[in-house]
N, C-alpha and C. Protein backbone atom coordinates (compact mmCIF):
# COMPACT_ATOMS: atom_id res chain seq x y z
N MET A 1 -27.69 26.94 144.22
CA MET A 1 -29.14 26.95 144.00
C MET A 1 -29.51 28.21 143.22
N GLU A 2 -30.33 28.05 142.18
CA GLU A 2 -30.73 29.18 141.36
C GLU A 2 -31.85 29.97 142.03
N LYS A 3 -31.81 31.27 141.84
CA LYS A 3 -32.87 32.13 142.37
C LYS A 3 -34.14 31.93 141.55
N GLU A 4 -35.29 32.14 142.20
CA GLU A 4 -36.57 32.00 141.52
C GLU A 4 -36.84 33.18 140.59
N TYR A 5 -36.32 34.37 140.96
CA TYR A 5 -36.55 35.59 140.18
C TYR A 5 -35.23 36.19 139.72
N LEU A 6 -35.29 36.87 138.56
CA LEU A 6 -34.15 37.62 138.05
C LEU A 6 -34.48 39.10 138.08
N SER A 7 -33.47 39.90 138.38
CA SER A 7 -33.66 41.35 138.26
C SER A 7 -33.56 41.71 136.78
N GLY A 8 -33.88 42.94 136.44
CA GLY A 8 -33.77 43.39 135.06
C GLY A 8 -32.35 43.26 134.54
N SER A 9 -31.38 43.61 135.37
CA SER A 9 -29.98 43.53 134.98
C SER A 9 -29.57 42.08 134.74
N GLU A 10 -29.99 41.19 135.62
CA GLU A 10 -29.67 39.76 135.44
C GLU A 10 -30.34 39.21 134.18
N LEU A 11 -31.58 39.65 133.92
CA LEU A 11 -32.30 39.21 132.72
C LEU A 11 -31.56 39.68 131.47
N ARG A 12 -31.14 40.93 131.48
CA ARG A 12 -30.42 41.50 130.34
C ARG A 12 -29.17 40.70 130.04
N GLN A 13 -28.43 40.35 131.07
CA GLN A 13 -27.21 39.56 130.88
C GLN A 13 -27.54 38.15 130.40
N TYR A 14 -28.59 37.57 130.93
CA TYR A 14 -28.99 36.22 130.55
C TYR A 14 -29.41 36.16 129.08
N LEU A 15 -30.12 37.20 128.61
CA LEU A 15 -30.60 37.23 127.23
C LEU A 15 -29.58 37.80 126.25
N HIS A 16 -28.50 38.38 126.77
CA HIS A 16 -27.47 39.02 125.95
C HIS A 16 -28.07 40.14 125.10
N ILE A 17 -28.77 41.05 125.75
CA ILE A 17 -29.37 42.19 125.06
C ILE A 17 -28.97 43.47 125.78
N SER A 18 -29.19 44.59 125.12
CA SER A 18 -28.84 45.88 125.71
C SER A 18 -29.86 46.26 126.78
N THR A 19 -29.48 47.19 127.63
CA THR A 19 -30.39 47.70 128.66
C THR A 19 -31.59 48.36 128.01
N ARG A 20 -31.35 49.11 126.95
CA ARG A 20 -32.44 49.78 126.26
C ARG A 20 -33.46 48.79 125.71
N LYS A 21 -32.97 47.72 125.08
CA LYS A 21 -33.87 46.72 124.52
C LYS A 21 -34.62 45.99 125.63
N MET A 22 -33.93 45.67 126.72
CA MET A 22 -34.58 45.00 127.84
C MET A 22 -35.70 45.88 128.41
N LYS A 23 -35.43 47.16 128.58
CA LYS A 23 -36.44 48.07 129.11
C LYS A 23 -37.64 48.14 128.17
N TYR A 24 -37.38 48.22 126.87
CA TYR A 24 -38.48 48.26 125.90
C TYR A 24 -39.33 46.99 125.97
N LEU A 25 -38.66 45.83 126.01
CA LEU A 25 -39.39 44.56 126.07
C LEU A 25 -40.25 44.48 127.33
N MET A 26 -39.74 44.98 128.42
CA MET A 26 -40.51 44.95 129.68
C MET A 26 -41.67 45.96 129.63
N ASP A 27 -41.37 47.17 129.21
CA ASP A 27 -42.39 48.22 129.20
C ASP A 27 -43.52 47.92 128.22
N HIS A 28 -43.26 47.09 127.22
CA HIS A 28 -44.27 46.76 126.23
C HIS A 28 -44.77 45.32 126.36
N ASP A 29 -44.55 44.74 127.52
CA ASP A 29 -45.11 43.44 127.92
C ASP A 29 -44.75 42.29 126.97
N TYR A 30 -43.55 42.30 126.46
CA TYR A 30 -43.08 41.15 125.70
C TYR A 30 -42.74 40.00 126.66
N ILE A 31 -42.27 40.37 127.87
CA ILE A 31 -41.86 39.38 128.86
C ILE A 31 -42.71 39.57 130.11
N PRO A 32 -43.36 38.51 130.61
CA PRO A 32 -44.12 38.65 131.85
C PRO A 32 -43.19 39.04 133.00
N HIS A 33 -43.61 40.03 133.78
CA HIS A 33 -42.75 40.51 134.87
C HIS A 33 -43.58 41.24 135.92
N GLU A 34 -42.94 41.53 137.02
CA GLU A 34 -43.52 42.36 138.05
C GLU A 34 -42.79 43.69 138.05
N ASP A 35 -43.54 44.77 138.19
CA ASP A 35 -42.94 46.09 138.32
C ASP A 35 -42.92 46.41 139.81
N THR A 36 -41.73 46.50 140.38
CA THR A 36 -41.61 46.72 141.82
C THR A 36 -41.96 48.15 142.22
N GLY A 37 -42.02 49.06 141.25
CA GLY A 37 -42.32 50.45 141.55
C GLY A 37 -41.12 51.24 142.03
N GLN A 38 -39.97 50.60 142.13
CA GLN A 38 -38.76 51.28 142.58
C GLN A 38 -38.02 51.87 141.38
N ALA A 39 -37.22 52.90 141.66
CA ALA A 39 -36.45 53.51 140.57
C ALA A 39 -35.34 52.58 140.10
N THR A 40 -34.70 51.88 141.03
CA THR A 40 -33.70 50.89 140.66
C THR A 40 -34.27 49.51 140.96
N HIS A 41 -33.81 48.52 140.27
CA HIS A 41 -34.35 47.16 140.42
C HIS A 41 -35.86 47.17 140.20
N LYS A 42 -36.25 47.85 139.12
CA LYS A 42 -37.68 48.06 138.82
C LYS A 42 -38.38 46.77 138.39
N TYR A 43 -37.66 45.90 137.69
CA TYR A 43 -38.28 44.71 137.12
C TYR A 43 -37.88 43.45 137.89
N ARG A 44 -38.82 42.54 137.96
CA ARG A 44 -38.59 41.23 138.58
C ARG A 44 -39.25 40.20 137.69
N VAL A 45 -38.46 39.24 137.19
CA VAL A 45 -38.94 38.26 136.22
C VAL A 45 -38.71 36.86 136.79
N ARG A 46 -39.74 36.02 136.68
CA ARG A 46 -39.57 34.63 137.11
C ARG A 46 -38.58 33.95 136.17
N ARG A 47 -37.70 33.16 136.75
CA ARG A 47 -36.66 32.47 135.98
C ARG A 47 -37.28 31.64 134.85
N GLU A 48 -38.37 30.94 135.11
CA GLU A 48 -38.98 30.09 134.08
C GLU A 48 -39.50 30.93 132.91
N ASP A 49 -39.98 32.16 133.18
CA ASP A 49 -40.42 33.04 132.10
C ASP A 49 -39.22 33.50 131.27
N ALA A 50 -38.09 33.76 131.93
CA ALA A 50 -36.87 34.17 131.23
C ALA A 50 -36.37 33.03 130.33
N VAL A 51 -36.39 31.81 130.85
CA VAL A 51 -35.94 30.65 130.09
C VAL A 51 -36.84 30.44 128.87
N ALA A 52 -38.16 30.56 129.07
CA ALA A 52 -39.11 30.38 127.97
C ALA A 52 -38.91 31.46 126.90
N PHE A 53 -38.68 32.70 127.33
CA PHE A 53 -38.48 33.79 126.39
C PHE A 53 -37.19 33.57 125.59
N LYS A 54 -36.12 33.16 126.26
CA LYS A 54 -34.85 32.92 125.57
C LYS A 54 -35.01 31.78 124.57
N ARG A 55 -35.75 30.75 124.95
CA ARG A 55 -35.98 29.62 124.04
C ARG A 55 -36.68 30.12 122.77
N ARG A 56 -37.69 31.00 122.94
CA ARG A 56 -38.39 31.55 121.77
C ARG A 56 -37.43 32.36 120.91
N MET A 57 -36.57 33.15 121.54
CA MET A 57 -35.60 33.96 120.79
C MET A 57 -34.70 33.08 119.93
N GLU A 58 -34.33 31.92 120.48
CA GLU A 58 -33.37 31.05 119.80
C GLU A 58 -34.01 30.11 118.79
N THR A 59 -35.30 29.79 118.96
CA THR A 59 -35.90 28.75 118.12
C THR A 59 -36.95 29.24 117.14
N GLU A 60 -37.57 30.37 117.39
CA GLU A 60 -38.65 30.82 116.51
C GLU A 60 -38.12 31.80 115.47
N PRO A 61 -38.16 31.41 114.21
CA PRO A 61 -37.72 32.33 113.16
C PRO A 61 -38.61 33.57 113.15
N GLY A 62 -38.00 34.71 113.04
CA GLY A 62 -38.79 35.93 112.95
C GLY A 62 -39.25 36.50 114.27
N PHE A 63 -39.01 35.78 115.39
CA PHE A 63 -39.43 36.29 116.69
C PHE A 63 -38.64 37.56 117.01
N LEU A 64 -39.32 38.63 117.29
CA LEU A 64 -38.77 39.96 117.57
C LEU A 64 -38.14 40.62 116.35
N SER A 65 -38.34 40.06 115.17
CA SER A 65 -37.72 40.64 113.98
C SER A 65 -38.25 42.04 113.69
N GLU A 66 -39.46 42.34 114.18
CA GLU A 66 -40.01 43.68 113.96
C GLU A 66 -39.22 44.74 114.71
N LEU A 67 -38.35 44.33 115.64
CA LEU A 67 -37.55 45.29 116.40
C LEU A 67 -36.15 45.47 115.84
N THR A 68 -35.83 44.79 114.75
CA THR A 68 -34.50 44.88 114.16
C THR A 68 -34.17 46.34 113.84
N GLY A 69 -33.04 46.80 114.33
CA GLY A 69 -32.60 48.17 114.08
C GLY A 69 -33.27 49.21 114.95
N CYS A 70 -34.11 48.79 115.85
CA CYS A 70 -34.88 49.71 116.68
C CYS A 70 -34.04 50.34 117.79
N PHE A 71 -32.94 49.70 118.17
CA PHE A 71 -32.21 50.13 119.37
C PHE A 71 -30.79 50.61 119.08
N ASN A 72 -30.55 51.11 117.88
CA ASN A 72 -29.23 51.67 117.61
C ASN A 72 -29.36 53.15 117.31
N ASN A 73 -28.27 53.81 117.12
CA ASN A 73 -28.21 55.25 116.84
C ASN A 73 -28.76 56.11 117.98
N GLY A 74 -28.64 55.63 119.19
CA GLY A 74 -28.92 56.47 120.35
C GLY A 74 -30.36 56.75 120.67
N GLY A 75 -31.30 56.12 120.03
CA GLY A 75 -32.70 56.38 120.37
C GLY A 75 -33.58 55.22 120.01
N ILE A 76 -34.68 55.13 120.68
CA ILE A 76 -35.62 54.06 120.38
C ILE A 76 -36.57 54.57 119.31
N ALA A 77 -36.64 53.85 118.22
CA ALA A 77 -37.57 54.21 117.16
C ALA A 77 -39.00 54.04 117.66
N GLU A 78 -39.89 54.80 117.13
CA GLU A 78 -41.29 54.71 117.55
C GLU A 78 -41.88 53.39 117.07
N ARG A 79 -42.26 52.56 118.00
CA ARG A 79 -42.86 51.27 117.68
C ARG A 79 -44.13 51.12 118.49
N ARG A 80 -45.07 50.39 117.93
CA ARG A 80 -46.27 50.09 118.68
C ARG A 80 -46.04 48.81 119.48
N PRO A 81 -46.57 48.74 120.68
CA PRO A 81 -46.35 47.55 121.49
C PRO A 81 -47.00 46.33 120.87
N ALA A 82 -46.32 45.21 121.00
CA ALA A 82 -46.84 43.95 120.47
C ALA A 82 -47.80 43.32 121.46
N GLY A 83 -48.75 42.63 120.91
CA GLY A 83 -49.63 41.85 121.76
C GLY A 83 -50.73 42.61 122.44
N LYS A 84 -50.71 43.92 122.44
CA LYS A 84 -51.74 44.70 123.12
C LYS A 84 -52.99 44.70 122.26
N GLY A 85 -54.06 44.22 122.81
CA GLY A 85 -55.34 44.27 122.14
C GLY A 85 -55.55 43.22 121.07
N THR A 86 -54.59 42.37 120.84
CA THR A 86 -54.76 41.35 119.82
C THR A 86 -55.65 40.22 120.33
N VAL A 87 -56.51 39.71 119.45
CA VAL A 87 -57.38 38.60 119.83
C VAL A 87 -57.05 37.38 118.98
N ILE A 88 -55.97 37.45 118.25
CA ILE A 88 -55.60 36.37 117.35
C ILE A 88 -54.53 35.50 118.01
N ASP A 89 -54.79 34.21 118.03
CA ASP A 89 -53.83 33.25 118.55
C ASP A 89 -52.84 32.93 117.44
N GLY A 90 -51.56 33.20 117.68
CA GLY A 90 -50.53 33.01 116.66
C GLY A 90 -50.44 31.58 116.17
N GLU A 91 -50.56 30.61 117.07
CA GLU A 91 -50.48 29.20 116.66
C GLU A 91 -51.68 28.83 115.79
N ASP A 92 -52.85 29.35 116.13
CA ASP A 92 -54.05 29.07 115.34
C ASP A 92 -53.93 29.72 113.96
N PHE A 93 -53.38 30.93 113.92
CA PHE A 93 -53.18 31.62 112.65
C PHE A 93 -52.16 30.85 111.79
N GLN A 94 -51.12 30.29 112.42
CA GLN A 94 -50.15 29.48 111.68
C GLN A 94 -50.84 28.27 111.07
N SER A 95 -51.71 27.62 111.85
CA SER A 95 -52.45 26.45 111.33
C SER A 95 -53.32 26.85 110.14
N TYR A 96 -53.96 28.02 110.25
CA TYR A 96 -54.79 28.53 109.16
C TYR A 96 -53.95 28.71 107.89
N LEU A 97 -52.78 29.34 108.03
CA LEU A 97 -51.93 29.57 106.86
C LEU A 97 -51.40 28.26 106.29
N LEU A 98 -51.07 27.31 107.16
CA LEU A 98 -50.61 26.00 106.67
C LEU A 98 -51.68 25.33 105.82
N LEU A 99 -52.93 25.41 106.26
CA LEU A 99 -54.03 24.83 105.47
C LEU A 99 -54.24 25.61 104.17
N LEU A 100 -54.22 26.94 104.29
CA LEU A 100 -54.43 27.80 103.13
C LEU A 100 -53.38 27.56 102.05
N TRP A 101 -52.15 27.32 102.48
CA TRP A 101 -51.04 27.17 101.55
C TRP A 101 -50.56 25.72 101.45
N ALA A 102 -51.43 24.78 101.77
CA ALA A 102 -51.05 23.36 101.78
C ALA A 102 -50.56 22.88 100.41
N SER A 103 -51.09 23.43 99.33
CA SER A 103 -50.69 22.98 98.00
C SER A 103 -49.36 23.57 97.53
N LEU A 104 -48.84 24.55 98.27
CA LEU A 104 -47.56 25.16 97.90
C LEU A 104 -46.40 24.27 98.30
N PRO A 105 -45.29 24.35 97.59
CA PRO A 105 -44.11 23.56 97.97
C PRO A 105 -43.55 24.04 99.32
N ASP A 106 -42.72 23.21 99.95
CA ASP A 106 -42.15 23.53 101.25
C ASP A 106 -41.14 24.66 101.19
N ALA A 107 -40.58 24.91 100.02
CA ALA A 107 -39.64 26.02 99.83
C ALA A 107 -40.23 26.94 98.75
N LEU A 108 -40.30 28.22 99.08
CA LEU A 108 -40.87 29.20 98.16
C LEU A 108 -39.81 30.20 97.72
N PRO A 109 -39.87 30.63 96.47
CA PRO A 109 -38.99 31.73 96.07
C PRO A 109 -39.32 32.95 96.94
N THR A 110 -38.31 33.69 97.34
CA THR A 110 -38.55 34.82 98.23
C THR A 110 -39.53 35.82 97.62
N GLN A 111 -39.51 35.98 96.32
CA GLN A 111 -40.45 36.89 95.66
C GLN A 111 -41.89 36.45 95.93
N GLU A 112 -42.14 35.15 95.77
CA GLU A 112 -43.48 34.59 95.98
C GLU A 112 -43.88 34.66 97.45
N ALA A 113 -42.96 34.29 98.35
CA ALA A 113 -43.25 34.32 99.78
C ALA A 113 -43.58 35.75 100.23
N ALA A 114 -42.79 36.70 99.76
CA ALA A 114 -43.02 38.10 100.12
C ALA A 114 -44.38 38.58 99.61
N ARG A 115 -44.72 38.20 98.40
CA ARG A 115 -46.01 38.60 97.83
C ARG A 115 -47.16 38.03 98.65
N ARG A 116 -47.03 36.79 99.11
CA ARG A 116 -48.11 36.13 99.85
C ARG A 116 -48.35 36.73 101.23
N ILE A 117 -47.31 37.28 101.86
CA ILE A 117 -47.51 37.89 103.19
C ILE A 117 -47.48 39.41 103.14
N GLY A 118 -47.31 39.97 101.95
CA GLY A 118 -47.41 41.42 101.80
C GLY A 118 -46.23 42.20 102.33
N VAL A 119 -45.03 41.67 102.15
CA VAL A 119 -43.83 42.42 102.53
C VAL A 119 -42.95 42.58 101.30
N ASN A 120 -41.99 43.45 101.42
CA ASN A 120 -41.02 43.66 100.36
C ASN A 120 -40.06 42.45 100.33
N PRO A 121 -39.75 41.90 99.18
CA PRO A 121 -38.82 40.76 99.12
C PRO A 121 -37.48 41.07 99.80
N GLN A 122 -37.09 42.33 99.76
CA GLN A 122 -35.83 42.72 100.39
C GLN A 122 -35.85 42.43 101.89
N ARG A 123 -37.03 42.55 102.51
CA ARG A 123 -37.16 42.26 103.95
C ARG A 123 -36.83 40.79 104.22
N LEU A 124 -37.30 39.90 103.36
CA LEU A 124 -37.00 38.48 103.54
C LEU A 124 -35.51 38.20 103.33
N HIS A 125 -34.90 38.88 102.36
CA HIS A 125 -33.46 38.72 102.13
C HIS A 125 -32.68 39.19 103.36
N GLU A 126 -33.12 40.28 103.99
CA GLU A 126 -32.47 40.77 105.21
C GLU A 126 -32.56 39.73 106.33
N LEU A 127 -33.74 39.14 106.49
CA LEU A 127 -33.94 38.13 107.53
C LEU A 127 -33.08 36.89 107.26
N ILE A 128 -32.93 36.53 106.01
CA ILE A 128 -32.07 35.39 105.66
C ILE A 128 -30.62 35.71 105.98
N ARG A 129 -30.16 36.90 105.59
CA ARG A 129 -28.78 37.31 105.88
C ARG A 129 -28.52 37.36 107.38
N ALA A 130 -29.53 37.77 108.15
CA ALA A 130 -29.39 37.86 109.61
C ALA A 130 -29.50 36.50 110.29
N GLY A 131 -29.83 35.46 109.52
CA GLY A 131 -29.94 34.12 110.10
C GLY A 131 -31.27 33.86 110.79
N LYS A 132 -32.25 34.74 110.59
CA LYS A 132 -33.55 34.56 111.24
C LYS A 132 -34.48 33.70 110.40
N LEU A 133 -34.19 33.61 109.12
CA LEU A 133 -34.88 32.69 108.21
C LEU A 133 -33.80 31.91 107.47
N HIS A 134 -34.15 30.69 107.06
CA HIS A 134 -33.21 29.90 106.27
C HIS A 134 -33.50 30.11 104.79
N GLY A 135 -32.46 30.24 104.03
CA GLY A 135 -32.62 30.41 102.60
C GLY A 135 -31.55 29.65 101.84
N VAL A 136 -31.89 29.31 100.63
CA VAL A 136 -30.93 28.64 99.76
C VAL A 136 -31.08 29.25 98.37
N LYS A 137 -29.96 29.48 97.74
CA LYS A 137 -29.98 30.07 96.42
C LYS A 137 -29.71 28.99 95.39
N ILE A 138 -30.61 28.86 94.43
CA ILE A 138 -30.45 27.91 93.34
C ILE A 138 -30.48 28.72 92.06
N GLY A 139 -29.33 28.76 91.42
CA GLY A 139 -29.21 29.63 90.25
C GLY A 139 -29.32 31.08 90.69
N ARG A 140 -30.29 31.78 90.14
CA ARG A 140 -30.47 33.19 90.49
C ARG A 140 -31.65 33.40 91.44
N VAL A 141 -32.26 32.31 91.89
CA VAL A 141 -33.46 32.41 92.72
C VAL A 141 -33.16 32.00 94.15
N GLN A 142 -33.54 32.85 95.09
CA GLN A 142 -33.40 32.58 96.53
C GLN A 142 -34.71 31.96 97.01
N TYR A 143 -34.61 30.83 97.71
CA TYR A 143 -35.78 30.15 98.26
C TYR A 143 -35.75 30.23 99.78
N CYS A 144 -36.94 30.23 100.39
CA CYS A 144 -37.04 30.20 101.84
C CYS A 144 -38.08 29.16 102.26
N VAL A 145 -38.00 28.73 103.51
CA VAL A 145 -38.85 27.66 104.01
C VAL A 145 -40.25 28.20 104.29
N LYS A 146 -41.26 27.52 103.74
CA LYS A 146 -42.65 27.95 103.89
C LYS A 146 -43.06 28.07 105.36
N ARG A 147 -42.70 27.09 106.19
CA ARG A 147 -43.07 27.12 107.61
C ARG A 147 -42.48 28.33 108.32
N GLU A 148 -41.27 28.72 107.97
CA GLU A 148 -40.64 29.88 108.60
C GLU A 148 -41.33 31.18 108.17
N ILE A 149 -41.74 31.24 106.93
CA ILE A 149 -42.49 32.42 106.46
C ILE A 149 -43.80 32.51 107.21
N ILE A 150 -44.45 31.39 107.41
CA ILE A 150 -45.72 31.36 108.15
C ILE A 150 -45.49 31.78 109.60
N ALA A 151 -44.42 31.30 110.23
CA ALA A 151 -44.11 31.70 111.60
C ALA A 151 -43.85 33.20 111.68
N TYR A 152 -43.14 33.73 110.69
CA TYR A 152 -42.88 35.17 110.65
C TYR A 152 -44.20 35.95 110.51
N ALA A 153 -45.09 35.46 109.66
CA ALA A 153 -46.38 36.13 109.46
C ALA A 153 -47.26 36.06 110.70
N ALA A 154 -47.06 35.03 111.53
CA ALA A 154 -47.90 34.83 112.71
C ALA A 154 -47.25 35.37 113.99
N ALA A 155 -46.19 36.14 113.87
CA ALA A 155 -45.54 36.73 115.05
C ALA A 155 -46.54 37.64 115.78
N PRO A 156 -46.54 37.62 117.12
CA PRO A 156 -47.50 38.41 117.89
C PRO A 156 -47.52 39.90 117.52
N ALA A 157 -46.37 40.48 117.29
CA ALA A 157 -46.33 41.92 116.97
C ALA A 157 -46.98 42.20 115.61
N ARG A 158 -46.78 41.30 114.65
CA ARG A 158 -47.41 41.49 113.33
C ARG A 158 -48.92 41.34 113.45
N LEU A 159 -49.36 40.35 114.23
CA LEU A 159 -50.80 40.12 114.38
C LEU A 159 -51.47 41.24 115.17
N ALA A 160 -50.76 41.82 116.11
CA ALA A 160 -51.34 42.88 116.93
C ALA A 160 -51.63 44.13 116.11
N HIS A 161 -50.81 44.37 115.09
CA HIS A 161 -50.95 45.57 114.27
C HIS A 161 -50.75 45.23 112.80
N PRO A 162 -51.74 44.55 112.19
CA PRO A 162 -51.58 44.18 110.78
C PRO A 162 -51.42 45.42 109.89
N SER A 163 -50.46 45.36 108.99
CA SER A 163 -50.27 46.48 108.07
C SER A 163 -50.10 45.93 106.66
N GLY A 164 -50.47 46.70 105.70
CA GLY A 164 -50.41 46.28 104.31
C GLY A 164 -51.68 45.55 103.92
N GLU A 165 -52.14 45.80 102.71
CA GLU A 165 -53.41 45.24 102.25
C GLU A 165 -53.40 43.72 102.18
N VAL A 166 -52.32 43.14 101.69
CA VAL A 166 -52.25 41.68 101.55
C VAL A 166 -52.30 41.02 102.93
N TYR A 167 -51.52 41.54 103.87
CA TYR A 167 -51.48 40.95 105.21
C TYR A 167 -52.82 41.13 105.92
N LYS A 168 -53.41 42.30 105.77
CA LYS A 168 -54.73 42.55 106.38
C LYS A 168 -55.77 41.59 105.81
N ALA A 169 -55.69 41.31 104.51
CA ALA A 169 -56.62 40.36 103.89
C ALA A 169 -56.44 38.95 104.44
N LEU A 170 -55.19 38.55 104.71
CA LEU A 170 -54.93 37.25 105.33
C LEU A 170 -55.58 37.17 106.71
N VAL A 171 -55.38 38.22 107.50
CA VAL A 171 -55.93 38.25 108.85
C VAL A 171 -57.46 38.26 108.81
N GLU A 172 -58.03 39.05 107.91
CA GLU A 172 -59.48 39.10 107.78
C GLU A 172 -60.04 37.74 107.34
N GLY A 173 -59.37 37.06 106.42
CA GLY A 173 -59.79 35.72 106.00
C GLY A 173 -59.76 34.75 107.16
N TYR A 174 -58.74 34.85 107.99
CA TYR A 174 -58.65 33.99 109.16
C TYR A 174 -59.81 34.27 110.13
N LEU A 175 -60.06 35.57 110.39
CA LEU A 175 -61.11 35.93 111.33
C LEU A 175 -62.49 35.53 110.84
N LYS A 176 -62.73 35.60 109.53
CA LYS A 176 -64.03 35.19 108.97
C LYS A 176 -64.22 33.69 109.08
N GLY A 177 -63.14 32.93 108.97
CA GLY A 177 -63.23 31.49 109.01
C GLY A 177 -63.32 30.88 110.40
N ARG A 178 -63.17 31.70 111.43
CA ARG A 178 -63.20 31.17 112.80
C ARG A 178 -64.55 30.80 113.25
């Protein structure tokens, strides 16, 4: 019989992540949990929340991509917590972008996709190499899936702290249209 709750250590093993990353995810409310207040066995996570989080990790392109490289070289890079203070629903924002870009083809050149969401094209190439986005190269042009770019743009951490003029303009357009 499976336990209803997982400890932090059990969660870390279940998700196949480092202790440092697990602690960061918990401390910044990426995963719903209870803080027991104890020095050891500090976190308690409902099994269904752990399963849902793992499913998101495995199925959502770009999920947690803002943390890439954050937990190596012996220290946690300074990051702002995701989801704190955000009033934007990621699924609603995805729907907005799908309507906004309805006339675009389903596969976009990475240069065009990057320009539309206000990131460096190199960032999209990194995500493709890491397997977080799908890409195909035709001739000298790398293409990526429009829906995956939209999912990446609508990630909770990106929406919580919009950066870059192009991305901020997208968010502002969404908020004005609500």
